[in-house]
């Protein structure tokens, strides 16, 4: 009789530790599958300062801000602003503030040599991206 009570107690304890619904059982798996928000191709947070060098050698400084905005400063000092969104580590999207500005999503990657690149979908031009640390 003691064995039956002991087995029943273990069964009751095991039942209490199980999720009550299928949704609860799936929630941790879904959370684990979701990519961390705003992670750049280099595996670090998207927010920060970057030097972006175009194929022709011209460099632009990009200040990607935590509030979802960016400021781009060209070598001659002219600036442009807009909003950004990191849809995945491989897809950075920017929408300029200018009238009629449309979102453009750039394919980003870090190659086997550790070079961080960004490809313009409209021109196919590949730029080199360097994170500028504080």
N, C-alpha and C. Protein backbone atom coordinates (compact mmCIF):
# COMPACT_ATOMS: atom_id res chain seq x y z
N UNK A 1 0.82 -1.19 0.00
CA UNK A 1 0.00 0.00 0.00
C UNK A 1 0.87 1.26 0.00
N UNK A 2 1.97 1.23 0.79
CA UNK A 2 2.84 2.40 0.84
C UNK A 2 3.43 2.69 -0.53
N UNK A 3 3.74 1.63 -1.30
CA UNK A 3 4.30 1.81 -2.63
C UNK A 3 3.29 2.50 -3.55
N UNK A 4 2.04 2.14 -3.45
CA UNK A 4 0.99 2.74 -4.29
C UNK A 4 0.84 4.21 -3.95
N UNK A 5 0.85 4.55 -2.66
CA UNK A 5 0.73 5.95 -2.23
C UNK A 5 1.94 6.74 -2.72
N UNK A 6 3.13 6.16 -2.61
CA UNK A 6 4.35 6.82 -3.05
C UNK A 6 4.32 7.06 -4.56
N UNK A 7 3.91 6.06 -5.33
CA UNK A 7 3.82 6.20 -6.79
C UNK A 7 2.77 7.26 -7.13
N UNK A 8 1.65 7.27 -6.45
CA UNK A 8 0.60 8.25 -6.69
C UNK A 8 1.11 9.65 -6.37
N UNK A 9 1.89 9.80 -5.30
CA UNK A 9 2.45 11.11 -4.93
C UNK A 9 3.40 11.61 -6.01
N UNK A 10 4.27 10.72 -6.53
CA UNK A 10 5.19 11.11 -7.60
C UNK A 10 4.41 11.49 -8.86
N UNK A 11 3.36 10.75 -9.16
CA UNK A 11 2.55 11.05 -10.34
C UNK A 11 1.88 12.40 -10.20
N UNK A 12 1.37 12.70 -9.00
CA UNK A 12 0.74 14.00 -8.77
C UNK A 12 1.75 15.12 -8.88
N UNK A 13 2.94 14.92 -8.34
CA UNK A 13 3.99 15.93 -8.41
C UNK A 13 4.40 16.16 -9.86
N UNK A 14 4.55 15.10 -10.61
CA UNK A 14 4.92 15.23 -12.02
C UNK A 14 3.85 15.97 -12.80
N UNK A 15 2.59 15.71 -12.49
CA UNK A 15 1.50 16.38 -13.17
C UNK A 15 1.50 17.87 -12.87
N UNK A 16 1.88 18.27 -11.67
CA UNK A 16 1.91 19.67 -11.29
C UNK A 16 3.02 20.43 -12.02
N UNK A 17 4.08 19.75 -12.37
CA UNK A 17 5.19 20.45 -13.01
C UNK A 17 5.01 20.57 -14.52
N UNK A 18 4.00 19.95 -15.09
CA UNK A 18 3.74 20.02 -16.52
C UNK A 18 2.91 21.26 -16.84
N UNK A 19 3.14 21.91 -18.03
CA UNK A 19 2.30 23.03 -18.42
C UNK A 19 0.85 22.58 -18.54
N UNK A 20 -0.05 23.49 -18.23
CA UNK A 20 -1.46 23.14 -18.23
C UNK A 20 -2.05 23.13 -19.64
N UNK A 21 -1.51 23.93 -20.54
CA UNK A 21 -2.07 23.98 -21.89
C UNK A 21 -0.97 23.81 -22.92
N UNK A 22 -1.37 23.53 -24.13
CA UNK A 22 -0.41 23.38 -25.23
C UNK A 22 0.30 24.70 -25.49
N UNK A 23 -0.42 25.83 -25.31
CA UNK A 23 0.19 27.14 -25.52
C UNK A 23 1.35 27.37 -24.55
N UNK A 24 1.16 26.99 -23.29
CA UNK A 24 2.23 27.16 -22.31
C UNK A 24 3.42 26.29 -22.66
N UNK A 25 3.17 25.11 -23.19
CA UNK A 25 4.25 24.19 -23.54
C UNK A 25 5.05 24.73 -24.72
N UNK A 26 4.40 25.43 -25.67
CA UNK A 26 5.07 25.95 -26.85
C UNK A 26 5.74 27.29 -26.62
N UNK A 27 5.33 28.07 -25.65
CA UNK A 27 5.85 29.41 -25.43
C UNK A 27 7.37 29.45 -25.26
N UNK A 28 7.98 28.61 -24.44
CA UNK A 28 9.43 28.68 -24.32
C UNK A 28 10.15 28.35 -25.62
N UNK A 29 9.63 27.42 -26.40
CA UNK A 29 10.25 27.06 -27.67
C UNK A 29 10.19 28.24 -28.63
N UNK A 30 9.05 28.93 -28.68
CA UNK A 30 8.91 30.09 -29.55
C UNK A 30 9.87 31.19 -29.14
N UNK A 31 10.01 31.43 -27.85
CA UNK A 31 10.91 32.47 -27.36
C UNK A 31 12.36 32.14 -27.72
N UNK A 32 12.72 30.88 -27.65
CA UNK A 32 14.09 30.48 -27.96
C UNK A 32 14.38 30.63 -29.45
N UNK A 33 13.37 30.43 -30.30
CA UNK A 33 13.56 30.53 -31.74
C UNK A 33 13.65 31.97 -32.21
N UNK A 34 13.04 32.90 -31.50
CA UNK A 34 13.03 34.29 -31.91
C UNK A 34 14.43 34.87 -31.83
N UNK A 35 14.84 35.54 -32.90
CA UNK A 35 16.17 36.16 -32.92
C UNK A 35 16.16 37.37 -31.99
N UNK A 36 17.28 37.63 -31.33
CA UNK A 36 17.35 38.80 -30.47
C UNK A 36 17.07 40.06 -31.29
N UNK A 37 16.36 40.99 -30.71
CA UNK A 37 16.00 42.22 -31.40
C UNK A 37 17.23 43.10 -31.63
N UNK A 38 17.28 43.70 -32.80
CA UNK A 38 18.30 44.68 -33.14
C UNK A 38 19.73 44.20 -32.98
N UNK A 39 20.02 43.05 -33.53
CA UNK A 39 21.38 42.53 -33.56
C UNK A 39 21.89 42.67 -34.99
N UNK A 40 23.05 43.31 -35.13
CA UNK A 40 23.65 43.54 -36.45
C UNK A 40 24.36 42.28 -36.95
N UNK A 41 24.84 42.35 -38.17
CA UNK A 41 25.51 41.20 -38.79
C UNK A 41 26.73 40.75 -38.01
N UNK A 42 27.37 41.67 -37.29
CA UNK A 42 28.57 41.31 -36.52
C UNK A 42 28.25 40.69 -35.16
N UNK A 43 26.94 40.49 -34.88
CA UNK A 43 26.52 39.85 -33.64
C UNK A 43 26.39 40.79 -32.46
N UNK A 44 26.66 42.06 -32.67
CA UNK A 44 26.55 43.06 -31.61
C UNK A 44 25.28 43.87 -31.82
N UNK A 45 24.87 44.66 -30.80
CA UNK A 45 23.67 45.49 -30.97
C UNK A 45 23.80 46.42 -32.18
N UNK A 46 22.69 46.64 -32.87
CA UNK A 46 22.68 47.51 -34.05
C UNK A 46 23.04 48.95 -33.72
N UNK A 47 22.63 49.40 -32.55
CA UNK A 47 22.87 50.78 -32.15
C UNK A 47 24.36 51.03 -32.05
N UNK A 48 24.81 52.15 -32.62
CA UNK A 48 26.22 52.50 -32.54
C UNK A 48 26.64 53.40 -33.68
N UNK A 49 27.95 53.64 -33.75
CA UNK A 49 28.53 54.48 -34.80
C UNK A 49 29.27 53.57 -35.78
N UNK A 50 29.07 53.83 -37.07
CA UNK A 50 29.68 53.02 -38.12
C UNK A 50 30.34 53.92 -39.16
N UNK A 51 31.43 53.44 -39.72
CA UNK A 51 32.05 54.06 -40.89
C UNK A 51 31.70 53.15 -42.05
N UNK A 52 31.02 53.70 -43.06
CA UNK A 52 30.60 52.93 -44.22
C UNK A 52 31.38 53.45 -45.42
N UNK A 53 32.19 52.58 -46.01
CA UNK A 53 33.02 52.97 -47.15
C UNK A 53 32.45 52.32 -48.41
N UNK A 54 32.04 53.19 -49.34
CA UNK A 54 31.46 52.73 -50.60
C UNK A 54 32.55 52.16 -51.50
N UNK A 55 32.14 51.48 -52.56
CA UNK A 55 33.08 50.87 -53.51
C UNK A 55 34.01 51.91 -54.12
N UNK A 56 33.56 53.16 -54.26
CA UNK A 56 34.40 54.20 -54.85
C UNK A 56 35.35 54.83 -53.83
N UNK A 57 35.30 54.35 -52.58
CA UNK A 57 36.21 54.85 -51.55
C UNK A 57 35.66 55.96 -50.67
N UNK A 58 34.51 56.51 -51.03
CA UNK A 58 33.94 57.57 -50.19
C UNK A 58 33.39 56.97 -48.90
N UNK A 59 33.63 57.69 -47.81
CA UNK A 59 33.20 57.20 -46.49
C UNK A 59 32.11 58.08 -45.91
N UNK A 60 31.21 57.44 -45.22
CA UNK A 60 30.11 58.12 -44.53
C UNK A 60 30.07 57.59 -43.10
N UNK A 61 29.81 58.48 -42.16
CA UNK A 61 29.64 58.06 -40.77
C UNK A 61 28.15 57.91 -40.50
N UNK A 62 27.78 56.78 -39.95
CA UNK A 62 26.37 56.48 -39.65
C UNK A 62 26.20 56.36 -38.14
N UNK A 63 25.38 57.23 -37.58
CA UNK A 63 25.05 57.18 -36.15
C UNK A 63 23.68 56.52 -36.03
N UNK A 64 23.66 55.24 -35.66
CA UNK A 64 22.42 54.47 -35.54
C UNK A 64 22.00 54.55 -34.07
N UNK A 65 20.90 55.21 -33.81
CA UNK A 65 20.49 55.56 -32.44
C UNK A 65 19.42 54.61 -31.88
N UNK A 66 19.41 54.52 -30.56
CA UNK A 66 18.49 53.62 -29.86
C UNK A 66 17.02 54.00 -30.05
N UNK A 67 16.74 55.25 -30.39
CA UNK A 67 15.35 55.67 -30.57
C UNK A 67 14.79 55.32 -31.94
N UNK A 68 15.57 54.57 -32.76
CA UNK A 68 15.09 54.16 -34.08
C UNK A 68 15.39 55.16 -35.17
N UNK A 69 16.21 56.16 -34.89
CA UNK A 69 16.59 57.14 -35.90
C UNK A 69 18.08 56.99 -36.22
N UNK A 70 18.48 57.58 -37.34
CA UNK A 70 19.90 57.60 -37.69
C UNK A 70 20.26 58.97 -38.24
N UNK A 71 21.54 59.30 -38.15
CA UNK A 71 22.09 60.49 -38.77
C UNK A 71 23.28 60.02 -39.58
N UNK A 72 23.27 60.35 -40.86
CA UNK A 72 24.34 59.98 -41.78
C UNK A 72 25.11 61.25 -42.13
N UNK A 73 26.43 61.23 -41.92
CA UNK A 73 27.26 62.39 -42.20
C UNK A 73 28.29 62.04 -43.27
N UNK A 74 28.20 62.74 -44.41
CA UNK A 74 29.12 62.51 -45.52
C UNK A 74 30.46 63.19 -45.22
N UNK A 75 31.47 62.85 -46.01
CA UNK A 75 32.81 63.40 -45.82
C UNK A 75 32.83 64.93 -45.92
N UNK A 76 31.92 65.49 -46.71
CA UNK A 76 31.88 66.95 -46.86
C UNK A 76 31.08 67.64 -45.75
N UNK A 77 30.56 66.85 -44.80
CA UNK A 77 29.84 67.41 -43.66
C UNK A 77 28.33 67.47 -43.81
N UNK A 78 27.81 67.17 -44.99
CA UNK A 78 26.36 67.19 -45.16
C UNK A 78 25.75 66.00 -44.42
N UNK A 79 24.57 66.23 -43.87
CA UNK A 79 23.91 65.17 -43.10
C UNK A 79 22.55 64.84 -43.68
N UNK A 80 22.14 63.63 -43.41
CA UNK A 80 20.78 63.21 -43.73
C UNK A 80 20.30 62.39 -42.54
N UNK A 81 19.00 62.37 -42.37
CA UNK A 81 18.41 61.67 -41.23
C UNK A 81 17.31 60.74 -41.69
N UNK A 82 16.93 59.85 -40.80
CA UNK A 82 15.84 58.94 -41.11
C UNK A 82 15.58 57.98 -39.98
N UNK A 83 14.86 56.94 -40.30
CA UNK A 83 14.52 55.90 -39.33
C UNK A 83 15.14 54.58 -39.80
N UNK A 84 15.49 53.73 -38.85
CA UNK A 84 16.10 52.45 -39.19
C UNK A 84 15.35 51.31 -38.52
N UNK A 85 15.53 50.13 -39.08
CA UNK A 85 14.93 48.92 -38.53
C UNK A 85 15.84 47.75 -38.87
N UNK A 86 16.18 46.94 -37.89
CA UNK A 86 17.00 45.74 -38.13
C UNK A 86 16.03 44.57 -38.16
N UNK A 87 15.66 44.15 -39.36
CA UNK A 87 14.67 43.08 -39.49
C UNK A 87 15.25 41.72 -39.12
N UNK A 88 16.55 41.56 -39.32
CA UNK A 88 17.29 40.38 -38.92
C UNK A 88 18.76 40.79 -38.94
N UNK A 89 19.65 39.97 -38.39
CA UNK A 89 21.06 40.35 -38.47
C UNK A 89 21.55 40.54 -39.92
N UNK A 90 20.90 39.92 -40.86
CA UNK A 90 21.31 40.01 -42.26
C UNK A 90 20.54 41.06 -43.05
N UNK A 91 19.62 41.79 -42.41
CA UNK A 91 18.79 42.75 -43.14
C UNK A 91 18.58 44.03 -42.34
N UNK A 92 19.30 45.08 -42.74
CA UNK A 92 19.19 46.41 -42.11
C UNK A 92 18.40 47.30 -43.06
N UNK A 93 17.36 47.95 -42.55
CA UNK A 93 16.50 48.79 -43.38
C UNK A 93 16.54 50.23 -42.91
N UNK A 94 16.55 51.16 -43.86
CA UNK A 94 16.59 52.58 -43.55
C UNK A 94 15.55 53.31 -44.39
N UNK A 95 14.87 54.27 -43.75
CA UNK A 95 13.89 55.11 -44.43
C UNK A 95 14.28 56.56 -44.22
N UNK A 96 14.72 57.26 -45.28
CA UNK A 96 15.13 58.65 -45.12
C UNK A 96 13.94 59.54 -44.76
N UNK A 97 14.24 60.61 -44.00
CA UNK A 97 13.20 61.56 -43.60
C UNK A 97 12.73 62.45 -44.74
N UNK A 98 13.48 62.49 -45.83
CA UNK A 98 13.11 63.36 -46.95
C UNK A 98 11.72 63.02 -47.47
N UNK A 99 11.08 64.02 -48.05
CA UNK A 99 9.73 63.82 -48.58
C UNK A 99 9.73 62.70 -49.61
N UNK A 100 8.81 61.77 -49.45
CA UNK A 100 8.70 60.63 -50.37
C UNK A 100 9.73 59.56 -50.13
N UNK A 101 10.47 59.65 -49.01
CA UNK A 101 11.51 58.66 -48.71
C UNK A 101 10.91 57.27 -48.54
N UNK A 102 11.52 56.30 -49.18
CA UNK A 102 11.03 54.92 -49.12
C UNK A 102 12.07 54.05 -48.43
N UNK A 103 11.59 53.04 -47.73
CA UNK A 103 12.48 52.13 -47.02
C UNK A 103 13.31 51.30 -48.01
N UNK A 104 14.61 51.22 -47.71
CA UNK A 104 15.52 50.37 -48.46
C UNK A 104 16.15 49.41 -47.47
N UNK A 105 16.17 48.13 -47.81
CA UNK A 105 16.74 47.12 -46.93
C UNK A 105 18.03 46.59 -47.54
N UNK A 106 19.10 46.68 -46.78
CA UNK A 106 20.43 46.30 -47.21
C UNK A 106 20.79 44.92 -46.67
N UNK A 107 21.33 44.06 -47.53
CA UNK A 107 21.78 42.74 -47.10
C UNK A 107 23.14 42.92 -46.44
N UNK A 108 23.26 42.44 -45.20
CA UNK A 108 24.51 42.60 -44.47
C UNK A 108 25.05 41.24 -44.05
N UNK A 109 26.37 41.15 -44.04
CA UNK A 109 27.02 39.89 -43.67
C UNK A 109 28.45 40.17 -43.23
N UNK A 110 29.02 39.20 -42.54
CA UNK A 110 30.42 39.22 -42.19
C UNK A 110 31.03 38.00 -42.88
N UNK A 111 32.03 38.23 -43.75
CA UNK A 111 32.60 37.11 -44.50
C UNK A 111 33.61 36.32 -43.66
N UNK A 112 34.19 35.30 -44.26
CA UNK A 112 35.13 34.41 -43.56
C UNK A 112 36.37 35.14 -43.05
N UNK A 113 36.69 36.29 -43.67
CA UNK A 113 37.84 37.08 -43.23
C UNK A 113 37.47 38.12 -42.18
N UNK A 114 36.20 38.13 -41.76
CA UNK A 114 35.76 39.07 -40.74
C UNK A 114 35.37 40.43 -41.29
N UNK A 115 35.24 40.56 -42.61
CA UNK A 115 34.87 41.83 -43.22
C UNK A 115 33.35 41.95 -43.23
N UNK A 116 32.86 43.03 -42.65
CA UNK A 116 31.43 43.33 -42.53
C UNK A 116 31.04 44.11 -43.78
N UNK A 117 30.07 43.58 -44.54
CA UNK A 117 29.64 44.24 -45.77
C UNK A 117 28.14 44.52 -45.76
N UNK A 118 27.77 45.49 -46.59
CA UNK A 118 26.37 45.86 -46.77
C UNK A 118 26.12 46.04 -48.27
N UNK A 119 25.11 45.35 -48.79
CA UNK A 119 24.82 45.39 -50.22
C UNK A 119 23.54 46.17 -50.49
N UNK A 120 23.65 47.18 -51.35
CA UNK A 120 22.51 48.00 -51.75
C UNK A 120 21.66 47.19 -52.74
N UNK A 121 20.38 46.96 -52.43
CA UNK A 121 19.54 46.14 -53.32
C UNK A 121 19.23 46.82 -54.65
N UNK A 122 19.33 48.15 -54.69
CA UNK A 122 19.00 48.88 -55.91
C UNK A 122 20.15 48.91 -56.91
N UNK A 123 21.38 49.01 -56.40
CA UNK A 123 22.54 49.14 -57.28
C UNK A 123 23.44 47.91 -57.28
N UNK A 124 23.31 47.07 -56.27
CA UNK A 124 24.19 45.92 -56.14
C UNK A 124 25.55 46.29 -55.56
N UNK A 125 25.76 47.58 -55.26
CA UNK A 125 27.03 48.05 -54.71
C UNK A 125 27.24 47.50 -53.31
N UNK A 126 28.46 47.03 -53.06
CA UNK A 126 28.80 46.50 -51.75
C UNK A 126 29.72 47.49 -51.04
N UNK A 127 29.33 47.87 -49.83
CA UNK A 127 30.11 48.77 -49.00
C UNK A 127 30.72 48.00 -47.85
N UNK A 128 31.85 48.50 -47.36
CA UNK A 128 32.51 47.92 -46.19
C UNK A 128 32.01 48.69 -44.97
N UNK A 129 31.60 47.96 -43.95
CA UNK A 129 31.07 48.56 -42.72
C UNK A 129 32.06 48.30 -41.59
N UNK A 130 32.41 49.36 -40.88
CA UNK A 130 33.30 49.22 -39.72
C UNK A 130 32.60 49.85 -38.52
N UNK A 131 32.51 49.08 -37.46
CA UNK A 131 31.94 49.61 -36.22
C UNK A 131 32.99 50.51 -35.58
N UNK A 132 32.59 51.73 -35.21
CA UNK A 132 33.50 52.67 -34.56
C UNK A 132 33.21 52.62 -33.06
N UNK A 133 34.14 52.07 -32.31
CA UNK A 133 33.97 51.95 -30.87
C UNK A 133 34.26 53.28 -30.20
N UNK A 134 33.45 53.56 -29.16
CA UNK A 134 33.49 54.77 -28.35
C UNK A 134 34.79 55.42 -28.25
